[in-house]
């Protein structure tokens, strides 16, 4: 079992909290880099949210 599979199993039922954590981490990186890598951070946030499962009813951002 891979690390990602273990994380998904642990987060099952708590996707909203995982999404919040991903958002906070991305905001922290944006703050520390003064927004220099904001497009890359946004892409990484979207991919992580897709991996962990998005909140119900929240469409993917384009």
PDB file of N, CA and C in Angstrom:
ATOM      1  N   UNK A   1       0.846  -1.169   0.000  1.00  0.00           N
ATOM      2  CA  UNK A   1       0.000   0.000   0.000  1.00  0.00           C
ATOM      3  C   UNK A   1       0.899   1.241   0.000  1.00  0.00           C
ATOM      4  N   UNK A   2       0.622   2.158  -0.920  1.00  0.00           N
ATOM      5  CA  UNK A   2       1.439   3.366  -1.036  1.00  0.00           C
ATOM      6  C   UNK A   2       1.059   4.387   0.043  1.00  0.00           C
ATOM      7  N   UNK A   3       1.894   5.365   0.192  1.00  0.00           N
ATOM      8  CA  UNK A   3       1.650   6.419   1.171  1.00  0.00           C
ATOM      9  C   UNK A   3       0.360   7.167   0.821  1.00  0.00           C
ATOM     10  N   UNK A   4       0.151   7.427  -0.466  1.00  0.00           N
ATOM     11  CA  UNK A   4      -1.051   8.143  -0.888  1.00  0.00           C
ATOM     12  C   UNK A   4      -2.303   7.341  -0.553  1.00  0.00           C
ATOM     13  N   UNK A   5      -2.255   6.026  -0.737  1.00  0.00           N
ATOM     14  CA  UNK A   5      -3.395   5.180  -0.383  1.00  0.00           C
ATOM     15  C   UNK A   5      -3.672   5.232   1.109  1.00  0.00           C
ATOM     16  N   UNK A   6      -2.633   5.237   1.921  1.00  0.00           N
ATOM     17  CA  UNK A   6      -2.803   5.321   3.372  1.00  0.00           C
ATOM     18  C   UNK A   6      -3.417   6.659   3.770  1.00  0.00           C
ATOM     19  N   UNK A   7      -2.951   7.735   3.138  1.00  0.00           N
ATOM     20  CA  UNK A   7      -3.515   9.055   3.425  1.00  0.00           C
ATOM     21  C   UNK A   7      -4.990   9.122   3.036  1.00  0.00           C
ATOM     22  N   UNK A   8      -5.323   8.599   1.877  1.00  0.00           N
ATOM     23  CA  UNK A   8      -6.713   8.597   1.438  1.00  0.00           C
ATOM     24  C   UNK A   8      -7.583   7.832   2.415  1.00  0.00           C
ATOM     25  N   UNK A   9      -7.089   6.695   2.887  1.00  0.00           N
ATOM     26  CA  UNK A   9      -7.838   5.877   3.835  1.00  0.00           C
ATOM     27  C   UNK A   9      -8.045   6.634   5.152  1.00  0.00           C
ATOM     28  N   UNK A  10      -7.014   7.318   5.620  1.00  0.00           N
ATOM     29  CA  UNK A  10      -7.111   8.077   6.864  1.00  0.00           C
ATOM     30  C   UNK A  10      -8.073   9.260   6.731  1.00  0.00           C
ATOM     31  N   UNK A  11      -8.115   9.881   5.554  1.00  0.00           N
ATOM     32  CA  UNK A  11      -8.923  11.077   5.346  1.00  0.00           C
ATOM     33  C   UNK A  11     -10.347  10.779   4.907  1.00  0.00           C
ATOM     34  N   UNK A  12     -10.667   9.524   4.679  1.00  0.00           N
ATOM     35  CA  UNK A  12     -12.003   9.157   4.217  1.00  0.00           C
ATOM     36  C   UNK A  12     -13.040   9.701   5.208  1.00  0.00           C
ATOM     37  N   UNK A  13     -13.971  10.471   4.692  1.00  0.00           N
ATOM     38  CA  UNK A  13     -14.996  11.080   5.510  1.00  0.00           C
ATOM     39  C   UNK A  13     -14.612  12.464   6.027  1.00  0.00           C
ATOM     40  N   UNK A  14     -13.382  12.871   5.799  1.00  0.00           N
ATOM     41  CA  UNK A  14     -12.902  14.171   6.269  1.00  0.00           C
ATOM     42  C   UNK A  14     -12.291  14.974   5.124  1.00  0.00           C
ATOM     43  N   UNK A  15     -12.853  14.841   3.940  1.00  0.00           N
ATOM     44  CA  UNK A  15     -12.307  15.509   2.766  1.00  0.00           C
ATOM     45  C   UNK A  15     -12.340  17.023   2.915  1.00  0.00           C
ATOM     46  N   UNK A  16     -13.366  17.536   3.605  1.00  0.00           N
ATOM     47  CA  UNK A  16     -13.463  18.984   3.778  1.00  0.00           C
ATOM     48  C   UNK A  16     -12.300  19.511   4.616  1.00  0.00           C
ATOM     49  N   UNK A  17     -11.911  18.780   5.639  1.00  0.00           N
ATOM     50  CA  UNK A  17     -10.778  19.194   6.481  1.00  0.00           C
ATOM     51  C   UNK A  17      -9.465  19.102   5.686  1.00  0.00           C
ATOM     52  N   UNK A  18      -9.326  18.091   4.856  1.00  0.00           N
ATOM     53  CA  UNK A  18      -8.123  17.961   4.031  1.00  0.00           C
ATOM     54  C   UNK A  18      -8.034  19.130   3.058  1.00  0.00           C
ATOM     55  N   UNK A  19      -9.160  19.491   2.453  1.00  0.00           N
ATOM     56  CA  UNK A  19      -9.183  20.627   1.536  1.00  0.00           C
ATOM     57  C   UNK A  19      -8.826  21.927   2.229  1.00  0.00           C
ATOM     58  N   UNK A  20      -9.304  22.094   3.450  1.00  0.00           N
ATOM     59  CA  UNK A  20      -8.974  23.289   4.219  1.00  0.00           C
ATOM     60  C   UNK A  20      -7.481  23.337   4.514  1.00  0.00           C
ATOM     61  N   UNK A  21      -6.900  22.194   4.863  1.00  0.00           N
ATOM     62  CA  UNK A  21      -5.465  22.136   5.136  1.00  0.00           C
ATOM     63  C   UNK A  21      -4.636  22.451   3.905  1.00  0.00           C
ATOM     64  N   UNK A  22      -5.062  21.939   2.765  1.00  0.00           N
ATOM     65  CA  UNK A  22      -4.366  22.221   1.509  1.00  0.00           C
ATOM     66  C   UNK A  22      -4.431  23.711   1.192  1.00  0.00           C
ATOM     67  N   UNK A  23      -5.603  24.311   1.412  1.00  0.00           N
ATOM     68  CA  UNK A  23      -5.752  25.758   1.174  1.00  0.00           C
ATOM     69  C   UNK A  23      -4.841  26.569   2.090  1.00  0.00           C
ATOM     70  N   UNK A  24      -4.804  26.204   3.369  1.00  0.00           N
ATOM     71  CA  UNK A  24      -3.958  26.935   4.322  1.00  0.00           C
ATOM     72  C   UNK A  24      -2.482  26.797   3.966  1.00  0.00           C
ATOM     73  N   UNK A  25      -2.073  25.602   3.565  1.00  0.00           N
ATOM     74  CA  UNK A  25      -0.674  25.400   3.183  1.00  0.00           C
ATOM     75  C   UNK A  25      -0.325  26.227   1.951  1.00  0.00           C
ATOM     76  N   UNK A  26      -1.223  26.252   0.983  1.00  0.00           N
ATOM     77  CA  UNK A  26      -0.993  27.054  -0.218  1.00  0.00           C
ATOM     78  C   UNK A  26      -0.928  28.537   0.088  1.00  0.00           C
ATOM     79  N   UNK A  27      -1.811  29.001   0.969  1.00  0.00           N
ATOM     80  CA  UNK A  27      -1.785  30.413   1.370  1.00  0.00           C
ATOM     81  C   UNK A  27      -0.476  30.752   2.074  1.00  0.00           C
ATOM     82  N   UNK A  28       0.021  29.825   2.898  1.00  0.00           N
ATOM     83  CA  UNK A  28       1.280  30.035   3.594  1.00  0.00           C
ATOM     84  C   UNK A  28       2.430  30.179   2.594  1.00  0.00           C
ATOM     85  N   UNK A  29       2.466  29.285   1.602  1.00  0.00           N
ATOM     86  CA  UNK A  29       3.526  29.345   0.591  1.00  0.00           C
ATOM     87  C   UNK A  29       3.422  30.649  -0.204  1.00  0.00           C
ATOM     88  N   UNK A  30       2.204  31.027  -0.582  1.00  0.00           N
ATOM     89  CA  UNK A  30       2.020  32.288  -1.311  1.00  0.00           C
ATOM     90  C   UNK A  30       2.497  33.477  -0.488  1.00  0.00           C
ATOM     91  N   UNK A  31       2.205  33.453   0.801  1.00  0.00           N
ATOM     92  CA  UNK A  31       2.623  34.546   1.677  1.00  0.00           C
ATOM     93  C   UNK A  31       4.145  34.613   1.783  1.00  0.00           C
ATOM     94  N   UNK A  32       4.775  33.465   1.978  1.00  0.00           N
ATOM     95  CA  UNK A  32       6.229  33.430   2.152  1.00  0.00           C
ATOM     96  C   UNK A  32       6.981  33.801   0.864  1.00  0.00           C
ATOM     97  N   UNK A  33       6.400  33.470  -0.288  1.00  0.00           N
ATOM     98  CA  UNK A  33       7.056  33.774  -1.567  1.00  0.00           C
ATOM     99  C   UNK A  33       6.522  35.055  -2.188  1.00  0.00           C
ATOM    100  N   UNK A  34       5.655  35.739  -1.450  1.00  0.00           N
ATOM    101  CA  UNK A  34       5.033  36.986  -1.906  1.00  0.00           C
ATOM    102  C   UNK A  34       4.318  36.805  -3.241  1.00  0.00           C
ATOM    103  N   UNK A  35       3.703  35.648  -3.426  1.00  0.00           N
ATOM    104  CA  UNK A  35       2.895  35.390  -4.607  1.00  0.00           C
ATOM    105  C   UNK A  35       3.672  35.077  -5.871  1.00  0.00           C
ATOM    106  N   UNK A  36       4.974  34.916  -5.750  1.00  0.00           N
ATOM    107  CA  UNK A  36       5.815  34.688  -6.929  1.00  0.00           C
ATOM    108  C   UNK A  36       5.431  33.401  -7.659  1.00  0.00           C
ATOM    109  N   UNK A  37       4.998  32.385  -6.925  1.00  0.00           N
ATOM    110  CA  UNK A  37       4.675  31.088  -7.517  1.00  0.00           C
ATOM    111  C   UNK A  37       3.195  30.762  -7.359  1.00  0.00           C
ATOM    112  N   UNK A  38       2.354  31.764  -7.336  1.00  0.00           N
ATOM    113  CA  UNK A  38       0.937  31.545  -7.038  1.00  0.00           C
ATOM    114  C   UNK A  38       0.248  30.630  -8.045  1.00  0.00           C
ATOM    115  N   UNK A  39       0.592  30.718  -9.322  1.00  0.00           N
ATOM    116  CA  UNK A  39      -0.070  29.841 -10.302  1.00  0.00           C
ATOM    117  C   UNK A  39       0.339  28.382 -10.093  1.00  0.00           C
ATOM    118  N   UNK A  40       1.603  28.149  -9.756  1.00  0.00           N
ATOM    119  CA  UNK A  40       2.052  26.788  -9.487  1.00  0.00           C
ATOM    120  C   UNK A  40       1.424  26.255  -8.196  1.00  0.00           C
ATOM    121  N   UNK A  41       1.298  27.118  -7.201  1.00  0.00           N
ATOM    122  CA  UNK A  41       0.685  26.716  -5.928  1.00  0.00           C
ATOM    123  C   UNK A  41      -0.781  26.370  -6.154  1.00  0.00           C
ATOM    124  N   UNK A  42      -1.485  27.169  -6.949  1.00  0.00           N
ATOM    125  CA  UNK A  42      -2.894  26.893  -7.243  1.00  0.00           C
ATOM    126  C   UNK A  42      -3.060  25.554  -7.953  1.00  0.00           C
ATOM    127  N   UNK A  43      -2.165  25.274  -8.901  1.00  0.00           N
ATOM    128  CA  UNK A  43      -2.215  23.998  -9.616  1.00  0.00           C
ATOM    129  C   UNK A  43      -1.984  22.830  -8.655  1.00  0.00           C
ATOM    130  N   UNK A  44      -0.996  22.984  -7.771  1.00  0.00           N
ATOM    131  CA  UNK A  44      -0.704  21.927  -6.796  1.00  0.00           C
ATOM    132  C   UNK A  44      -1.883  21.725  -5.849  1.00  0.00           C
ATOM    133  N   UNK A  45      -2.517  22.807  -5.428  1.00  0.00           N
ATOM    134  CA  UNK A  45      -3.681  22.695  -4.548  1.00  0.00           C
ATOM    135  C   UNK A  45      -4.807  21.926  -5.231  1.00  0.00           C
ATOM    136  N   UNK A  46      -5.075  22.255  -6.483  1.00  0.00           N
ATOM    137  CA  UNK A  46      -6.140  21.562  -7.215  1.00  0.00           C
ATOM    138  C   UNK A  46      -5.843  20.073  -7.353  1.00  0.00           C
ATOM    139  N   UNK A  47      -4.598  19.742  -7.671  1.00  0.00           N
ATOM    140  CA  UNK A  47      -4.237  18.336  -7.841  1.00  0.00           C
ATOM    141  C   UNK A  47      -4.341  17.573  -6.526  1.00  0.00           C
ATOM    142  N   UNK A  48      -3.913  18.192  -5.433  1.00  0.00           N
ATOM    143  CA  UNK A  48      -4.031  17.533  -4.121  1.00  0.00           C
ATOM    144  C   UNK A  48      -5.485  17.339  -3.724  1.00  0.00           C
ATOM    145  N   UNK A  49      -6.303  18.341  -3.972  1.00  0.00           N
ATOM    146  CA  UNK A  49      -7.723  18.212  -3.651  1.00  0.00           C
ATOM    147  C   UNK A  49      -8.373  17.109  -4.478  1.00  0.00           C
ATOM    148  N   UNK A  50      -7.970  16.978  -5.735  1.00  0.00           N
ATOM    149  CA  UNK A  50      -8.481  15.897  -6.572  1.00  0.00           C
ATOM    150  C   UNK A  50      -8.060  14.544  -6.021  1.00  0.00           C
ATOM    151  N   UNK A  51      -6.840  14.448  -5.541  1.00  0.00           N
ATOM    152  CA  UNK A  51      -6.336  13.186  -4.991  1.00  0.00           C
ATOM    153  C   UNK A  51      -7.072  12.802  -3.715  1.00  0.00           C
ATOM    154  N   UNK A  52      -7.307  13.764  -2.848  1.00  0.00           N
ATOM    155  CA  UNK A  52      -7.932  13.491  -1.554  1.00  0.00           C
ATOM    156  C   UNK A  52      -9.442  13.466  -1.633  1.00  0.00           C
ATOM    157  N   UNK A  53      -9.995  13.971  -2.702  1.00  0.00           N
ATOM    158  CA  UNK A  53     -11.447  14.022  -2.860  1.00  0.00           C
ATOM    159  C   UNK A  53     -11.965  15.394  -2.530  1.00  0.00           C
ATOM    160  N   UNK A  54     -12.633  15.985  -3.479  1.00  0.00           N
ATOM    161  CA  UNK A  54     -13.168  17.333  -3.281  1.00  0.00           C
ATOM    162  C   UNK A  54     -14.389  17.281  -2.378  1.00  0.00           C
ATOM    163  N   UNK A  55     -14.725  18.449  -1.836  1.00  0.00           N
ATOM    164  CA  UNK A  55     -15.960  18.576  -1.074  1.00  0.00           C
ATOM    165  C   UNK A  55     -17.132  18.258  -1.999  1.00  0.00           C
ATOM    166  N   UNK A  56     -18.185  17.683  -1.455  1.00  0.00           N
ATOM    167  CA  UNK A  56     -19.358  17.365  -2.255  1.00  0.00           C
ATOM    168  C   UNK A  56     -19.970  18.649  -2.764  1.00  0.00           C
ATOM    169  N   UNK A  57     -20.281  18.693  -4.047  1.00  0.00           N
ATOM    170  CA  UNK A  57     -20.933  19.847  -4.639  1.00  0.00           C
ATOM    171  C   UNK A  57     -19.986  20.950  -5.046  1.00  0.00           C
ATOM    172  N   UNK A  58     -18.700  20.779  -4.843  1.00  0.00           N
ATOM    173  CA  UNK A  58     -17.731  21.814  -5.227  1.00  0.00           C
ATOM    174  C   UNK A  58     -17.083  21.384  -6.546  1.00  0.00           C
ATOM    175  N   UNK A  59     -17.348  22.124  -7.630  1.00  0.00           N
ATOM    176  CA  UNK A  59     -16.770  21.743  -8.922  1.00  0.00           C
ATOM    177  C   UNK A  59     -15.281  22.060  -8.961  1.00  0.00           C
ATOM    178  N   UNK A  60     -14.515  21.348  -9.794  1.00  0.00           N
ATOM    179  CA  UNK A  60     -13.094  21.665  -9.940  1.00  0.00           C
ATOM    180  C   UNK A  60     -12.917  23.071 -10.496  1.00  0.00           C
ATOM    181  N   UNK A  61     -11.886  23.764 -10.041  1.00  0.00           N
ATOM    182  CA  UNK A  61     -11.620  25.110 -10.527  1.00  0.00           C
ATOM    183  C   UNK A  61     -10.814  25.027 -11.819  1.00  0.00           C
ATOM    184  N   UNK A  62     -11.148  25.946 -12.749  1.00  0.00           N
ATOM    185  CA  UNK A  62     -10.426  25.965 -14.028  1.00  0.00           C
ATOM    186  C   UNK A  62      -9.523  27.143 -14.120  1.00  0.00           C
TER     187      UNK A  62
END
